[in-house]
Amino acid sequence: LTNISYSIPEQAHVKLCIYDINGTLIKTLFEGEQSAGRYYSVWNGENNSGIKVGSGVYFYRIQASSFMQTRKMILLK
């Protein structure tokens, strides 16, 4: 399991997604309105179809209003 933590300074529409090294969407972890605060999301290594993906480099991207940030992570099995 991979824990992803993030903070939202004000209420916003938030989208948190996992992408593979080619930029292909693997999993949408969250999409919706969130109020200001600190949040945690867990990725269990599955794609949107519920199938386990292989070990490798992945990226998570968080978008909240005009803010966008992408971070690299490594999935090991």
PDB file of N, CA and C in Angstrom:
ATOM      1  N   LEU A   1       0.836  -1.190   0.000  1.00  0.00           N
ATOM      2  CA  LEU A   1       0.000   0.000   0.000  1.00  0.00           C
ATOM      3  C   LEU A   1       0.872   1.241   0.000  1.00  0.00           C
ATOM      4  N   THR A   2       0.441   2.247  -0.719  1.00  0.00           N
ATOM      5  CA  THR A   2       1.143   3.527  -0.770  1.00  0.00           C
ATOM      6  C   THR A   2       0.233   4.604  -0.205  1.00  0.00           C
ATOM      7  N   ASN A   3       0.717   5.308   0.806  1.00  0.00           N
ATOM      8  CA  ASN A   3      -0.036   6.404   1.412  1.00  0.00           C
ATOM      9  C   ASN A   3       0.392   7.718   0.783  1.00  0.00           C
ATOM     10  N   ILE A   4      -0.578   8.498   0.349  1.00  0.00           N
ATOM     11  CA  ILE A   4      -0.320   9.805  -0.244  1.00  0.00           C
ATOM     12  C   ILE A   4      -1.020  10.836   0.626  1.00  0.00           C
ATOM     13  N   SER A   5      -0.260  11.784   1.140  1.00  0.00           N
ATOM     14  CA  SER A   5      -0.854  12.836   1.965  1.00  0.00           C
ATOM     15  C   SER A   5      -0.747  14.171   1.237  1.00  0.00           C
ATOM     16  N   TYR A   6      -1.740  15.019   1.467  1.00  0.00           N
ATOM     17  CA  TYR A   6      -1.757  16.336   0.850  1.00  0.00           C
ATOM     18  C   TYR A   6      -2.618  17.279   1.684  1.00  0.00           C
ATOM     19  N   SER A   7      -2.359  18.562   1.508  1.00  0.00           N
ATOM     20  CA  SER A   7      -3.113  19.602   2.222  1.00  0.00           C
ATOM     21  C   SER A   7      -3.803  20.506   1.217  1.00  0.00           C
ATOM     22  N   ILE A   8      -5.003  20.914   1.559  1.00  0.00           N
ATOM     23  CA  ILE A   8      -5.772  21.848   0.747  1.00  0.00           C
ATOM     24  C   ILE A   8      -5.959  23.119   1.576  1.00  0.00           C
ATOM     25  N   PRO A   9      -5.458  24.275   1.101  1.00  0.00           N
ATOM     26  CA  PRO A   9      -5.560  25.501   1.901  1.00  0.00           C
ATOM     27  C   PRO A   9      -6.966  26.109   1.944  1.00  0.00           C
ATOM     28  N   GLU A  10      -7.776  25.796   0.940  1.00  0.00           N
ATOM     29  CA  GLU A  10      -9.149  26.314   0.886  1.00  0.00           C
ATOM     30  C   GLU A  10     -10.012  25.323   0.124  1.00  0.00           C
ATOM     31  N   GLN A  11     -11.321  25.433   0.271  1.00  0.00           N
ATOM     32  CA  GLN A  11     -12.220  24.511  -0.415  1.00  0.00           C
ATOM     33  C   GLN A  11     -11.968  24.556  -1.918  1.00  0.00           C
ATOM     34  N   ALA A  12     -11.901  23.360  -2.530  1.00  0.00           N
ATOM     35  CA  ALA A  12     -11.590  23.276  -3.955  1.00  0.00           C
ATOM     36  C   ALA A  12     -12.065  21.950  -4.517  1.00  0.00           C
ATOM     37  N   HIS A  13     -12.191  21.907  -5.838  1.00  0.00           N
ATOM     38  CA  HIS A  13     -12.431  20.645  -6.527  1.00  0.00           C
ATOM     39  C   HIS A  13     -11.062  19.972  -6.656  1.00  0.00           C
ATOM     40  N   VAL A  14     -10.941  18.767  -6.122  1.00  0.00           N
ATOM     41  CA  VAL A  14      -9.655  18.071  -6.061  1.00  0.00           C
ATOM     42  C   VAL A  14      -9.713  16.815  -6.916  1.00  0.00           C
ATOM     43  N   LYS A  15      -8.615  16.561  -7.627  1.00  0.00           N
ATOM     44  CA  LYS A  15      -8.492  15.334  -8.403  1.00  0.00           C
ATOM     45  C   LYS A  15      -7.112  14.753  -8.120  1.00  0.00           C
ATOM     46  N   LEU A  16      -7.077  13.487  -7.700  1.00  0.00           N
ATOM     47  CA  LEU A  16      -5.840  12.792  -7.382  1.00  0.00           C
ATOM     48  C   LEU A  16      -5.784  11.525  -8.223  1.00  0.00           C
ATOM     49  N   CYS A  17      -4.785  11.444  -9.112  1.00  0.00           N
ATOM     50  CA  CYS A  17      -4.683  10.337 -10.058  1.00  0.00           C
ATOM     51  C   CYS A  17      -3.276   9.749 -10.072  1.00  0.00           C
ATOM     52  N   ILE A  18      -3.205   8.466 -10.458  1.00  0.00           N
ATOM     53  CA  ILE A  18      -1.943   7.754 -10.627  1.00  0.00           C
ATOM     54  C   ILE A  18      -1.731   7.524 -12.124  1.00  0.00           C
ATOM     55  N   TYR A  19      -0.500   7.781 -12.590  1.00  0.00           N
ATOM     56  CA  TYR A  19      -0.139   7.581 -13.997  1.00  0.00           C
ATOM     57  C   TYR A  19       1.090   6.689 -14.082  1.00  0.00           C
ATOM     58  N   ASP A  20       1.213   5.973 -15.190  1.00  0.00           N
ATOM     59  CA  ASP A  20       2.433   5.182 -15.397  1.00  0.00           C
ATOM     60  C   ASP A  20       3.498   6.053 -16.052  1.00  0.00           C
ATOM     61  N   ILE A  21       4.641   5.464 -16.332  1.00  0.00           N
ATOM     62  CA  ILE A  21       5.791   6.193 -16.874  1.00  0.00           C
ATOM     63  C   ILE A  21       5.496   6.796 -18.254  1.00  0.00           C
ATOM     64  N   ASN A  22       4.513   6.238 -18.970  1.00  0.00           N
ATOM     65  CA  ASN A  22       4.135   6.743 -20.295  1.00  0.00           C
ATOM     66  C   ASN A  22       3.064   7.826 -20.229  1.00  0.00           C
ATOM     67  N   GLY A  23       2.588   8.141 -19.007  1.00  0.00           N
ATOM     68  CA  GLY A  23       1.547   9.151 -18.855  1.00  0.00           C
ATOM     69  C   GLY A  23       0.141   8.611 -18.973  1.00  0.00           C
ATOM     70  N   THR A  24       0.002   7.304 -19.012  1.00  0.00           N
ATOM     71  CA  THR A  24      -1.317   6.670 -19.096  1.00  0.00           C
ATOM     72  C   THR A  24      -1.973   6.661 -17.722  1.00  0.00           C
ATOM     73  N   LEU A  25      -3.229   7.066 -17.658  1.00  0.00           N
ATOM     74  CA  LEU A  25      -3.962   7.055 -16.398  1.00  0.00           C
ATOM     75  C   LEU A  25      -4.120   5.616 -15.906  1.00  0.00           C
ATOM     76  N   ILE A  26      -3.699   5.363 -14.679  1.00  0.00           N
ATOM     77  CA  ILE A  26      -3.803   4.039 -14.075  1.00  0.00           C
ATOM     78  C   ILE A  26      -4.987   3.978 -13.113  1.00  0.00           C
ATOM     79  N   LYS A  27      -5.085   4.987 -12.240  1.00  0.00           N
ATOM     80  CA  LYS A  27      -6.111   4.958 -11.207  1.00  0.00           C
ATOM     81  C   LYS A  27      -6.492   6.371 -10.798  1.00  0.00           C
ATOM     82  N   THR A  28      -7.783   6.638 -10.680  1.00  0.00           N
ATOM     83  CA  THR A  28      -8.269   7.876 -10.088  1.00  0.00           C
ATOM     84  C   THR A  28      -8.585   7.565  -8.634  1.00  0.00           C
ATOM     85  N   LEU A  29      -7.787   8.117  -7.721  1.00  0.00           N
ATOM     86  CA  LEU A  29      -7.977   7.837  -6.295  1.00  0.00           C
ATOM     87  C   LEU A  29      -9.086   8.678  -5.691  1.00  0.00           C
ATOM     88  N   PHE A  30      -9.195   9.926  -6.140  1.00  0.00           N
ATOM     89  CA  PHE A  30     -10.243  10.800  -5.613  1.00  0.00           C
ATOM     90  C   PHE A  30     -10.543  11.890  -6.620  1.00  0.00           C
ATOM     91  N   GLU A  31     -11.823  12.226  -6.719  1.00  0.00           N
ATOM     92  CA  GLU A  31     -12.240  13.396  -7.486  1.00  0.00           C
ATOM     93  C   GLU A  31     -13.511  13.934  -6.858  1.00  0.00           C
ATOM     94  N   GLY A  32     -13.444  15.183  -6.416  1.00  0.00           N
ATOM     95  CA  GLY A  32     -14.605  15.803  -5.795  1.00  0.00           C
ATOM     96  C   GLY A  32     -14.222  17.029  -5.001  1.00  0.00           C
ATOM     97  N   GLU A  33     -15.212  17.624  -4.344  1.00  0.00           N
ATOM     98  CA  GLU A  33     -14.998  18.811  -3.526  1.00  0.00           C
ATOM     99  C   GLU A  33     -14.430  18.420  -2.168  1.00  0.00           C
ATOM    100  N   GLN A  34     -13.448  19.187  -1.709  1.00  0.00           N
ATOM    101  CA  GLN A  34     -12.904  19.003  -0.371  1.00  0.00           C
ATOM    102  C   GLN A  34     -12.715  20.369   0.265  1.00  0.00           C
ATOM    103  N   SER A  35     -12.987  20.436   1.561  1.00  0.00           N
ATOM    104  CA  SER A  35     -12.765  21.675   2.289  1.00  0.00           C
ATOM    105  C   SER A  35     -11.303  21.742   2.718  1.00  0.00           C
ATOM    106  N   ALA A  36     -10.899  22.894   3.225  1.00  0.00           N
ATOM    107  CA  ALA A  36      -9.516  23.080   3.663  1.00  0.00           C
ATOM    108  C   ALA A  36      -9.154  22.035   4.708  1.00  0.00           C
ATOM    109  N   GLY A  37      -7.936  21.506   4.622  1.00  0.00           N
ATOM    110  CA  GLY A  37      -7.491  20.526   5.602  1.00  0.00           C
ATOM    111  C   GLY A  37      -6.442  19.597   5.033  1.00  0.00           C
ATOM    112  N   ARG A  38      -6.057  18.636   5.862  1.00  0.00           N
ATOM    113  CA  ARG A  38      -5.044  17.645   5.479  1.00  0.00           C
ATOM    114  C   ARG A  38      -5.757  16.329   5.187  1.00  0.00           C
ATOM    115  N   TYR A  39      -5.360  15.673   4.111  1.00  0.00           N
ATOM    116  CA  TYR A  39      -6.023  14.443   3.663  1.00  0.00           C
ATOM    117  C   TYR A  39      -4.990  13.367   3.369  1.00  0.00           C
ATOM    118  N   TYR A  40      -5.454  12.129   3.423  1.00  0.00           N
ATOM    119  CA  TYR A  40      -4.628  10.965   3.115  1.00  0.00           C
ATOM    120  C   TYR A  40      -5.408  10.086   2.156  1.00  0.00           C
ATOM    121  N   SER A  41      -4.713   9.530   1.195  1.00  0.00           N
ATOM    122  CA  SER A  41      -5.313   8.594   0.260  1.00  0.00           C
ATOM    123  C   SER A  41      -4.375   7.397   0.131  1.00  0.00           C
ATOM    124  N   VAL A  42      -4.941   6.224  -0.048  1.00  0.00           N
ATOM    125  CA  VAL A  42      -4.154   4.993  -0.120  1.00  0.00           C
ATOM    126  C   VAL A  42      -4.337   4.365  -1.497  1.00  0.00           C
ATOM    127  N   TRP A  43      -3.216   4.017  -2.121  1.00  0.00           N
ATOM    128  CA  TRP A  43      -3.250   3.281  -3.389  1.00  0.00           C
ATOM    129  C   TRP A  43      -2.768   1.867  -3.114  1.00  0.00           C
ATOM    130  N   ASN A  44      -3.587   0.904  -3.473  1.00  0.00           N
ATOM    131  CA  ASN A  44      -3.269  -0.503  -3.220  1.00  0.00           C
ATOM    132  C   ASN A  44      -2.583  -1.189  -4.400  1.00  0.00           C
ATOM    133  N   GLY A  45      -2.130  -0.436  -5.395  1.00  0.00           N
ATOM    134  CA  GLY A  45      -1.423  -1.011  -6.532  1.00  0.00           C
ATOM    135  C   GLY A  45      -2.326  -1.534  -7.622  1.00  0.00           C
ATOM    136  N   GLU A  46      -3.614  -1.177  -7.562  1.00  0.00           N
ATOM    137  CA  GLU A  46      -4.568  -1.628  -8.581  1.00  0.00           C
ATOM    138  C   GLU A  46      -4.898  -0.492  -9.529  1.00  0.00           C
ATOM    139  N   ASN A  47      -5.291  -0.868 -10.754  1.00  0.00           N
ATOM    140  CA  ASN A  47      -5.744   0.133 -11.714  1.00  0.00           C
ATOM    141  C   ASN A  47      -7.245   0.367 -11.534  1.00  0.00           C
ATOM    142  N   ASN A  48      -7.846   1.165 -12.408  1.00  0.00           N
ATOM    143  CA  ASN A  48      -9.278   1.469 -12.288  1.00  0.00           C
ATOM    144  C   ASN A  48     -10.162   0.245 -12.481  1.00  0.00           C
ATOM    145  N   SER A  49      -9.632  -0.817 -13.091  1.00  0.00           N
ATOM    146  CA  SER A  49     -10.396  -2.057 -13.301  1.00  0.00           C
ATOM    147  C   SER A  49     -10.220  -3.044 -12.158  1.00  0.00           C
ATOM    148  N   GLY A  50      -9.417  -2.697 -11.148  1.00  0.00           N
ATOM    149  CA  GLY A  50      -9.197  -3.584 -10.011  1.00  0.00           C
ATOM    150  C   GLY A  50      -8.100  -4.608 -10.229  1.00  0.00           C
ATOM    151  N   ILE A  51      -7.316  -4.436 -11.294  1.00  0.00           N
ATOM    152  CA  ILE A  51      -6.229  -5.372 -11.605  1.00  0.00           C
ATOM    153  C   ILE A  51      -4.923  -4.818 -11.046  1.00  0.00           C
ATOM    154  N   LYS A  52      -4.150  -5.679 -10.383  1.00  0.00           N
ATOM    155  CA  LYS A  52      -2.859  -5.270  -9.832  1.00  0.00           C
ATOM    156  C   LYS A  52      -1.901  -4.912 -10.975  1.00  0.00           C
ATOM    157  N   VAL A  53      -1.217  -3.789 -10.830  1.00  0.00           N
ATOM    158  CA  VAL A  53      -0.229  -3.377 -11.831  1.00  0.00           C
ATOM    159  C   VAL A  53       1.149  -3.872 -11.406  1.00  0.00           C
ATOM    160  N   GLY A  54       2.092  -3.874 -12.327  1.00  0.00           N
ATOM    161  CA  GLY A  54       3.425  -4.375 -12.046  1.00  0.00           C
ATOM    162  C   GLY A  54       4.292  -3.374 -11.292  1.00  0.00           C
ATOM    163  N   SER A  55       5.380  -3.869 -10.754  1.00  0.00           N
ATOM    164  CA  SER A  55       6.350  -2.997 -10.086  1.00  0.00           C
ATOM    165  C   SER A  55       6.913  -2.011 -11.093  1.00  0.00           C
ATOM    166  N   GLY A  56       7.281  -0.838 -10.619  1.00  0.00           N
ATOM    167  CA  GLY A  56       7.874   0.151 -11.498  1.00  0.00           C
ATOM    168  C   GLY A  56       7.691   1.559 -10.994  1.00  0.00           C
ATOM    169  N   VAL A  57       7.990   2.517 -11.859  1.00  0.00           N
ATOM    170  CA  VAL A  57       7.876   3.930 -11.532  1.00  0.00           C
ATOM    171  C   VAL A  57       6.490   4.420 -11.931  1.00  0.00           C
ATOM    172  N   TYR A  58       5.853   5.124 -11.021  1.00  0.00           N
ATOM    173  CA  TYR A  58       4.535   5.714 -11.255  1.00  0.00           C
ATOM    174  C   TYR A  58       4.570   7.151 -10.768  1.00  0.00           C
ATOM    175  N   PHE A  59       3.589   7.912 -11.174  1.00  0.00           N
ATOM    176  CA  PHE A  59       3.475   9.307 -10.770  1.00  0.00           C
ATOM    177  C   PHE A  59       2.084   9.543 -10.220  1.00  0.00           C
ATOM    178  N   TYR A  60       1.994  10.358  -9.189  1.00  0.00           N
ATOM    179  CA  TYR A  60       0.675  10.801  -8.768  1.00  0.00           C
ATOM    180  C   TYR A  60       0.577  12.304  -8.992  1.00  0.00           C
ATOM    181  N   ARG A  61      -0.587  12.722  -9.438  1.00  0.00           N
ATOM    182  CA  ARG A  61      -0.835  14.131  -9.727  1.00  0.00           C
ATOM    183  C   ARG A  61      -2.047  14.586  -8.941  1.00  0.00           C
ATOM    184  N   ILE A  62      -1.855  15.687  -8.238  1.00  0.00           N
ATOM    185  CA  ILE A  62      -2.971  16.289  -7.517  1.00  0.00           C
ATOM    186  C   ILE A  62      -3.285  17.635  -8.146  1.00  0.00           C
ATOM    187  N   GLN A  63      -4.562  17.853  -8.416  1.00  0.00           N
ATOM    188  CA  GLN A  63      -5.043  19.112  -8.954  1.00  0.00           C
ATOM    189  C   GLN A  63      -6.089  19.647  -7.994  1.00  0.00           C
ATOM    190  N   ALA A  64      -5.950  20.913  -7.620  1.00  0.00           N
ATOM    191  CA  ALA A  64      -6.919  21.584  -6.751  1.00  0.00           C
ATOM    192  C   ALA A  64      -7.039  23.021  -7.228  1.00  0.00           C
ATOM    193  N   SER A  65      -8.170  23.355  -7.816  1.00  0.00           N
ATOM    194  CA  SER A  65      -8.375  24.673  -8.443  1.00  0.00           C
ATOM    195  C   SER A  65      -7.266  24.902  -9.461  1.00  0.00           C
ATOM    196  N   SER A  66      -6.475  25.951  -9.317  1.00  0.00           N
ATOM    197  CA  SER A  66      -5.420  26.235 -10.301  1.00  0.00           C
ATOM    198  C   SER A  66      -4.088  25.578  -9.921  1.00  0.00           C
ATOM    199  N   PHE A  67      -4.022  24.917  -8.775  1.00  0.00           N
ATOM    200  CA  PHE A  67      -2.796  24.257  -8.319  1.00  0.00           C
ATOM    201  C   PHE A  67      -2.690  22.861  -8.926  1.00  0.00           C
ATOM    202  N   MET A  68      -1.475  22.489  -9.375  1.00  0.00           N
ATOM    203  CA  MET A  68      -1.237  21.137  -9.863  1.00  0.00           C
ATOM    204  C   MET A  68       0.183  20.742  -9.486  1.00  0.00           C
ATOM    205  N   GLN A  69       0.320  19.516  -8.964  1.00  0.00           N
ATOM    206  CA  GLN A  69       1.639  19.018  -8.582  1.00  0.00           C
ATOM    207  C   GLN A  69       1.728  17.547  -8.944  1.00  0.00           C
ATOM    208  N   THR A  70       2.898  17.156  -9.467  1.00  0.00           N
ATOM    209  CA  THR A  70       3.148  15.764  -9.833  1.00  0.00           C
ATOM    210  C   THR A  70       4.368  15.282  -9.072  1.00  0.00           C
ATOM    211  N   ARG A  71       4.262  14.089  -8.498  1.00  0.00           N
ATOM    212  CA  ARG A  71       5.383  13.491  -7.755  1.00  0.00           C
ATOM    213  C   ARG A  71       5.606  12.065  -8.233  1.00  0.00           C
ATOM    214  N   LYS A  72       6.870  11.650  -8.180  1.00  0.00           N
ATOM    215  CA  LYS A  72       7.248  10.298  -8.600  1.00  0.00           C
ATOM    216  C   LYS A  72       7.200   9.351  -7.410  1.00  0.00           C
ATOM    217  N   MET A  73       6.840   8.111  -7.667  1.00  0.00           N
ATOM    218  CA  MET A  73       6.876   7.075  -6.645  1.00  0.00           C
ATOM    219  C   MET A  73       7.249   5.746  -7.302  1.00  0.00           C
ATOM    220  N   ILE A  74       7.747   4.834  -6.508  1.00  0.00           N
ATOM    221  CA  ILE A  74       8.142   3.520  -7.002  1.00  0.00           C
ATOM    222  C   ILE A  74       7.288   2.471  -6.322  1.00  0.00           C
ATOM    223  N   LEU A  75       6.664   1.611  -7.129  1.00  0.00           N
ATOM    224  CA  LEU A  75       5.866   0.513  -6.592  1.00  0.00           C
ATOM    225  C   LEU A  75       6.724  -0.749  -6.609  1.00  0.00           C
ATOM    226  N   LEU A  76       6.946  -1.320  -5.444  1.00  0.00           N
ATOM    227  CA  LEU A  76       7.707  -2.561  -5.313  1.00  0.00           C
ATOM    228  C   LEU A  76       6.793  -3.654  -4.811  1.00  0.00           C
ATOM    229  N   LYS A  77       6.971  -4.847  -5.336  1.00  0.00           N
ATOM    230  CA  LYS A  77       6.152  -5.976  -4.880  1.00  0.00           C
ATOM    231  C   LYS A  77       7.023  -7.000  -4.213  1.00  0.00           C
TER     232      LYS A  77
END
